[in-house]
């Protein structure tokens, strides 16, 4: 794991490197059921960084 948001929030984001590719994982923990995370497709480092910055700034759609 490269970066993550606080696990104390209902929605957690993680920036991961897997096999030389990068992806963003989104986990919604708000219902307490151990939700299955959603993941972006594996991508290049630059694209993952751009998405990460958009998520943290609230500009991701």
PDB file of N, CA and C in Angstrom:
ATOM      1  N   UNK A   1       0.842  -1.163   0.000  1.00  0.00           N
ATOM      2  CA  UNK A   1       0.000   0.000   0.000  1.00  0.00           C
ATOM      3  C   UNK A   1       0.896   1.238   0.000  1.00  0.00           C
ATOM      4  N   UNK A   2       0.522   2.197  -0.823  1.00  0.00           N
ATOM      5  CA  UNK A   2       1.317   3.412  -0.953  1.00  0.00           C
ATOM      6  C   UNK A   2       0.732   4.549  -0.117  1.00  0.00           C
ATOM      7  N   UNK A   3      -0.596   4.681  -0.155  1.00  0.00           N
ATOM      8  CA  UNK A   3      -1.264   5.751   0.592  1.00  0.00           C
ATOM      9  C   UNK A   3      -2.681   5.302   0.916  1.00  0.00           C
ATOM     10  N   UNK A   4      -3.278   5.926   1.932  1.00  0.00           N
ATOM     11  CA  UNK A   4      -4.636   5.574   2.310  1.00  0.00           C
ATOM     12  C   UNK A   4      -5.252   6.716   3.090  1.00  0.00           C
ATOM     13  N   UNK A   5      -6.581   6.708   3.113  1.00  0.00           N
ATOM     14  CA  UNK A   5      -7.289   7.664   3.945  1.00  0.00           C
ATOM     15  C   UNK A   5      -7.566   6.999   5.288  1.00  0.00           C
ATOM     16  N   UNK A   6      -8.044   7.748   6.228  1.00  0.00           N
ATOM     17  CA  UNK A   6      -8.246   7.264   7.597  1.00  0.00           C
ATOM     18  C   UNK A   6      -9.285   6.141   7.649  1.00  0.00           C
ATOM     19  N   UNK A   7      -8.930   5.028   8.274  1.00  0.00           N
ATOM     20  CA  UNK A   7      -9.848   3.897   8.433  1.00  0.00           C
ATOM     21  C   UNK A   7     -10.979   4.213   9.408  1.00  0.00           C
ATOM     22  N   UNK A   8     -10.907   5.368  10.055  1.00  0.00           N
ATOM     23  CA  UNK A   8     -11.951   5.761  10.996  1.00  0.00           C
ATOM     24  C   UNK A   8     -13.175   6.335  10.274  1.00  0.00           C
ATOM     25  N   UNK A   9     -13.081   6.603   8.972  1.00  0.00           N
ATOM     26  CA  UNK A   9     -14.196   7.142   8.202  1.00  0.00           C
ATOM     27  C   UNK A   9     -14.998   6.003   7.582  1.00  0.00           C
ATOM     28  N   UNK A  10     -16.272   6.236   7.249  1.00  0.00           N
ATOM     29  CA  UNK A  10     -17.096   5.181   6.663  1.00  0.00           C
ATOM     30  C   UNK A  10     -16.591   4.717   5.292  1.00  0.00           C
ATOM     31  N   UNK A  11     -15.993   5.617   4.534  1.00  0.00           N
ATOM     32  CA  UNK A  11     -15.445   5.252   3.222  1.00  0.00           C
ATOM     33  C   UNK A  11     -13.939   5.437   3.271  1.00  0.00           C
ATOM     34  N   UNK A  12     -13.229   4.391   2.881  1.00  0.00           N
ATOM     35  CA  UNK A  12     -11.769   4.395   2.917  1.00  0.00           C
ATOM     36  C   UNK A  12     -11.246   4.223   1.497  1.00  0.00           C
ATOM     37  N   UNK A  13     -10.231   4.996   1.148  1.00  0.00           N
ATOM     38  CA  UNK A  13      -9.555   4.872  -0.136  1.00  0.00           C
ATOM     39  C   UNK A  13      -8.127   4.433   0.106  1.00  0.00           C
ATOM     40  N   UNK A  14      -7.626   3.551  -0.765  1.00  0.00           N
ATOM     41  CA  UNK A  14      -6.241   3.097  -0.693  1.00  0.00           C
ATOM     42  C   UNK A  14      -5.620   3.202  -2.079  1.00  0.00           C
ATOM     43  N   UNK A  15      -4.401   3.660  -2.140  1.00  0.00           N
ATOM     44  CA  UNK A  15      -3.644   3.687  -3.391  1.00  0.00           C
ATOM     45  C   UNK A  15      -2.642   2.535  -3.300  1.00  0.00           C
ATOM     46  N   UNK A  16      -2.714   1.611  -4.249  1.00  0.00           N
ATOM     47  CA  UNK A  16      -1.930   0.386  -4.196  1.00  0.00           C
ATOM     48  C   UNK A  16      -1.063   0.201  -5.429  1.00  0.00           C
ATOM     49  N   UNK A  17       0.044  -0.496  -5.265  1.00  0.00           N
ATOM     50  CA  UNK A  17       0.848  -0.950  -6.393  1.00  0.00           C
ATOM     51  C   UNK A  17       0.767  -2.463  -6.387  1.00  0.00           C
ATOM     52  N   UNK A  18       0.353  -3.024  -7.526  1.00  0.00           N
ATOM     53  CA  UNK A  18       0.198  -4.468  -7.650  1.00  0.00           C
ATOM     54  C   UNK A  18       0.859  -4.914  -8.948  1.00  0.00           C
ATOM     55  N   UNK A  19       1.916  -5.689  -8.840  1.00  0.00           N
ATOM     56  CA  UNK A  19       2.579  -6.221 -10.030  1.00  0.00           C
ATOM     57  C   UNK A  19       3.066  -5.158 -10.993  1.00  0.00           C
ATOM     58  N   UNK A  20       3.508  -4.025 -10.485  1.00  0.00           N
ATOM     59  CA  UNK A  20       4.019  -2.967 -11.343  1.00  0.00           C
ATOM     60  C   UNK A  20       2.967  -2.006 -11.854  1.00  0.00           C
ATOM     61  N   UNK A  21       1.691  -2.279 -11.587  1.00  0.00           N
ATOM     62  CA  UNK A  21       0.603  -1.367 -11.948  1.00  0.00           C
ATOM     63  C   UNK A  21       0.051  -0.747 -10.677  1.00  0.00           C
ATOM     64  N   UNK A  22      -0.698   0.318 -10.831  1.00  0.00           N
ATOM     65  CA  UNK A  22      -1.255   1.045  -9.701  1.00  0.00           C
ATOM     66  C   UNK A  22      -2.771   1.038  -9.801  1.00  0.00           C
ATOM     67  N   UNK A  23      -3.421   1.043  -8.651  1.00  0.00           N
ATOM     68  CA  UNK A  23      -4.875   1.118  -8.638  1.00  0.00           C
ATOM     69  C   UNK A  23      -5.339   1.790  -7.355  1.00  0.00           C
ATOM     70  N   UNK A  24      -6.597   2.217  -7.374  1.00  0.00           N
ATOM     71  CA  UNK A  24      -7.219   2.845  -6.216  1.00  0.00           C
ATOM     72  C   UNK A  24      -8.338   1.917  -5.748  1.00  0.00           C
ATOM     73  N   UNK A  25      -8.368   1.640  -4.457  1.00  0.00           N
ATOM     74  CA  UNK A  25      -9.412   0.799  -3.872  1.00  0.00           C
ATOM     75  C   UNK A  25     -10.318   1.678  -3.018  1.00  0.00           C
ATOM     76  N   UNK A  26     -11.626   1.457  -3.161  1.00  0.00           N
ATOM     77  CA  UNK A  26     -12.664   2.193  -2.419  1.00  0.00           C
ATOM     78  C   UNK A  26     -13.443   1.171  -1.603  1.00  0.00           C
ATOM     79  N   UNK A  27     -13.485   1.351  -0.283  1.00  0.00           N
ATOM     80  CA  UNK A  27     -14.238   0.446   0.581  1.00  0.00           C
ATOM     81  C   UNK A  27     -15.236   1.249   1.407  1.00  0.00           C
ATOM     82  N   UNK A  28     -16.505   0.865   1.307  1.00  0.00           N
ATOM     83  CA  UNK A  28     -17.553   1.507   2.079  1.00  0.00           C
ATOM     84  C   UNK A  28     -17.817   0.640   3.311  1.00  0.00           C
ATOM     85  N   UNK A  29     -17.442   1.139   4.480  1.00  0.00           N
ATOM     86  CA  UNK A  29     -17.593   0.393   5.731  1.00  0.00           C
ATOM     87  C   UNK A  29     -18.781   0.876   6.548  1.00  0.00           C
ATOM     88  N   UNK A  30     -19.633   1.683   5.977  1.00  0.00           N
ATOM     89  CA  UNK A  30     -20.683   2.346   6.751  1.00  0.00           C
ATOM     90  C   UNK A  30     -21.740   1.402   7.284  1.00  0.00           C
ATOM     91  N   UNK A  31     -21.988   0.277   6.623  1.00  0.00           N
ATOM     92  CA  UNK A  31     -23.047  -0.607   7.111  1.00  0.00           C
ATOM     93  C   UNK A  31     -22.525  -1.704   8.041  1.00  0.00           C
ATOM     94  N   UNK A  32     -21.197  -1.779   8.241  1.00  0.00           N
ATOM     95  CA  UNK A  32     -20.620  -2.741   9.170  1.00  0.00           C
ATOM     96  C   UNK A  32     -20.635  -4.184   8.701  1.00  0.00           C
ATOM     97  N   UNK A  33     -20.945  -4.416   7.428  1.00  0.00           N
ATOM     98  CA  UNK A  33     -21.043  -5.791   6.934  1.00  0.00           C
ATOM     99  C   UNK A  33     -19.754  -6.306   6.315  1.00  0.00           C
ATOM    100  N   UNK A  34     -18.665  -5.551   6.417  1.00  0.00           N
ATOM    101  CA  UNK A  34     -17.416  -5.978   5.793  1.00  0.00           C
ATOM    102  C   UNK A  34     -17.523  -5.920   4.278  1.00  0.00           C
ATOM    103  N   UNK A  35     -17.918  -4.788   3.766  1.00  0.00           N
ATOM    104  CA  UNK A  35     -18.187  -4.598   2.345  1.00  0.00           C
ATOM    105  C   UNK A  35     -17.005  -4.989   1.473  1.00  0.00           C
ATOM    106  N   UNK A  36     -17.323  -5.498   0.298  1.00  0.00           N
ATOM    107  CA  UNK A  36     -16.311  -5.837  -0.696  1.00  0.00           C
ATOM    108  C   UNK A  36     -15.826  -4.546  -1.336  1.00  0.00           C
ATOM    109  N   UNK A  37     -14.514  -4.346  -1.392  1.00  0.00           N
ATOM    110  CA  UNK A  37     -14.009  -3.098  -1.970  1.00  0.00           C
ATOM    111  C   UNK A  37     -14.187  -3.045  -3.489  1.00  0.00           C
ATOM    112  N   UNK A  38     -14.301  -1.840  -4.000  1.00  0.00           N
ATOM    113  CA  UNK A  38     -14.303  -1.592  -5.442  1.00  0.00           C
ATOM    114  C   UNK A  38     -12.912  -1.120  -5.810  1.00  0.00           C
ATOM    115  N   UNK A  39     -12.431  -1.513  -6.991  1.00  0.00           N
ATOM    116  CA  UNK A  39     -11.083  -1.120  -7.408  1.00  0.00           C
ATOM    117  C   UNK A  39     -11.102  -0.528  -8.805  1.00  0.00           C
ATOM    118  N   UNK A  40     -10.255   0.473  -9.010  1.00  0.00           N
ATOM    119  CA  UNK A  40     -10.071   1.013 -10.350  1.00  0.00           C
ATOM    120  C   UNK A  40      -9.299  -0.016 -11.168  1.00  0.00           C
ATOM    121  N   UNK A  41      -9.359   0.088 -12.485  1.00  0.00           N
ATOM    122  CA  UNK A  41      -8.528  -0.808 -13.295  1.00  0.00           C
ATOM    123  C   UNK A  41      -7.046  -0.511 -13.044  1.00  0.00           C
ATOM    124  N   UNK A  42      -6.182  -1.519 -13.164  1.00  0.00           N
ATOM    125  CA  UNK A  42      -4.740  -1.264 -13.042  1.00  0.00           C
ATOM    126  C   UNK A  42      -4.300  -0.246 -14.096  1.00  0.00           C
ATOM    127  N   UNK A  43      -3.427   0.652 -13.710  1.00  0.00           N
ATOM    128  CA  UNK A  43      -3.026   1.731 -14.601  1.00  0.00           C
ATOM    129  C   UNK A  43      -1.588   2.153 -14.318  1.00  0.00           C
ATOM    130  N   UNK A  44      -1.121   3.116 -15.085  1.00  0.00           N
ATOM    131  CA  UNK A  44       0.226   3.654 -14.875  1.00  0.00           C
ATOM    132  C   UNK A  44       0.247   4.545 -13.638  1.00  0.00           C
ATOM    133  N   UNK A  45       1.435   4.762 -13.114  1.00  0.00           N
ATOM    134  CA  UNK A  45       1.627   5.555 -11.903  1.00  0.00           C
ATOM    135  C   UNK A  45       1.041   6.956 -12.050  1.00  0.00           C
ATOM    136  N   UNK A  46       1.292   7.611 -13.164  1.00  0.00           N
ATOM    137  CA  UNK A  46       0.826   8.992 -13.367  1.00  0.00           C
ATOM    138  C   UNK A  46      -0.696   9.073 -13.332  1.00  0.00           C
ATOM    139  N   UNK A  47      -1.370   8.111 -13.966  1.00  0.00           N
ATOM    140  CA  UNK A  47      -2.833   8.119 -13.993  1.00  0.00           C
ATOM    141  C   UNK A  47      -3.405   7.861 -12.601  1.00  0.00           C
ATOM    142  N   UNK A  48      -2.786   6.960 -11.855  1.00  0.00           N
ATOM    143  CA  UNK A  48      -3.241   6.687 -10.487  1.00  0.00           C
ATOM    144  C   UNK A  48      -3.038   7.922  -9.609  1.00  0.00           C
ATOM    145  N   UNK A  49      -1.928   8.623  -9.782  1.00  0.00           N
ATOM    146  CA  UNK A  49      -1.679   9.853  -9.013  1.00  0.00           C
ATOM    147  C   UNK A  49      -2.730  10.915  -9.309  1.00  0.00           C
ATOM    148  N   UNK A  50      -3.087  11.052 -10.575  1.00  0.00           N
ATOM    149  CA  UNK A  50      -4.106  12.026 -10.954  1.00  0.00           C
ATOM    150  C   UNK A  50      -5.438  11.686 -10.304  1.00  0.00           C
ATOM    151  N   UNK A  51      -5.840  10.421 -10.354  1.00  0.00           N
ATOM    152  CA  UNK A  51      -7.092  10.007  -9.732  1.00  0.00           C
ATOM    153  C   UNK A  51      -7.036  10.198  -8.221  1.00  0.00           C
ATOM    154  N   UNK A  52      -5.924   9.857  -7.603  1.00  0.00           N
ATOM    155  CA  UNK A  52      -5.763  10.016  -6.150  1.00  0.00           C
ATOM    156  C   UNK A  52      -5.951  11.472  -5.732  1.00  0.00           C
ATOM    157  N   UNK A  53      -5.312  12.390  -6.478  1.00  0.00           N
ATOM    158  CA  UNK A  53      -5.442  13.821  -6.159  1.00  0.00           C
ATOM    159  C   UNK A  53      -6.896  14.282  -6.317  1.00  0.00           C
ATOM    160  N   UNK A  54      -7.588  13.778  -7.339  1.00  0.00           N
ATOM    161  CA  UNK A  54      -8.998  14.153  -7.536  1.00  0.00           C
ATOM    162  C   UNK A  54      -9.858  13.641  -6.383  1.00  0.00           C
ATOM    163  N   UNK A  55      -9.608  12.425  -5.936  1.00  0.00           N
ATOM    164  CA  UNK A  55     -10.366  11.872  -4.807  1.00  0.00           C
ATOM    165  C   UNK A  55     -10.156  12.721  -3.563  1.00  0.00           C
ATOM    166  N   UNK A  56      -8.903  13.012  -3.247  1.00  0.00           N
ATOM    167  CA  UNK A  56      -8.608  13.777  -2.036  1.00  0.00           C
ATOM    168  C   UNK A  56      -9.129  15.210  -2.078  1.00  0.00           C
ATOM    169  N   UNK A  57      -9.227  15.779  -3.272  1.00  0.00           N
ATOM    170  CA  UNK A  57      -9.723  17.152  -3.398  1.00  0.00           C
ATOM    171  C   UNK A  57     -11.239  17.218  -3.570  1.00  0.00           C
ATOM    172  N   UNK A  58     -11.899  16.057  -3.698  1.00  0.00           N
ATOM    173  CA  UNK A  58     -13.339  16.034  -3.891  1.00  0.00           C
ATOM    174  C   UNK A  58     -13.767  16.268  -5.326  1.00  0.00           C
ATOM    175  N   UNK A  59     -12.826  16.201  -6.275  1.00  0.00           N
ATOM    176  CA  UNK A  59     -13.133  16.472  -7.686  1.00  0.00           C
ATOM    177  C   UNK A  59     -13.370  15.203  -8.502  1.00  0.00           C
ATOM    178  N   UNK A  60     -13.227  14.038  -7.905  1.00  0.00           N
ATOM    179  CA  UNK A  60     -13.428  12.787  -8.646  1.00  0.00           C
ATOM    180  C   UNK A  60     -14.911  12.549  -8.875  1.00  0.00           C
ATOM    181  N   UNK A  61     -15.233  12.030 -10.039  1.00  0.00           N
ATOM    182  CA  UNK A  61     -16.642  11.725 -10.357  1.00  0.00           C
ATOM    183  C   UNK A  61     -16.813  10.270 -10.683  1.00  0.00           C
TER     184      UNK A  61
END
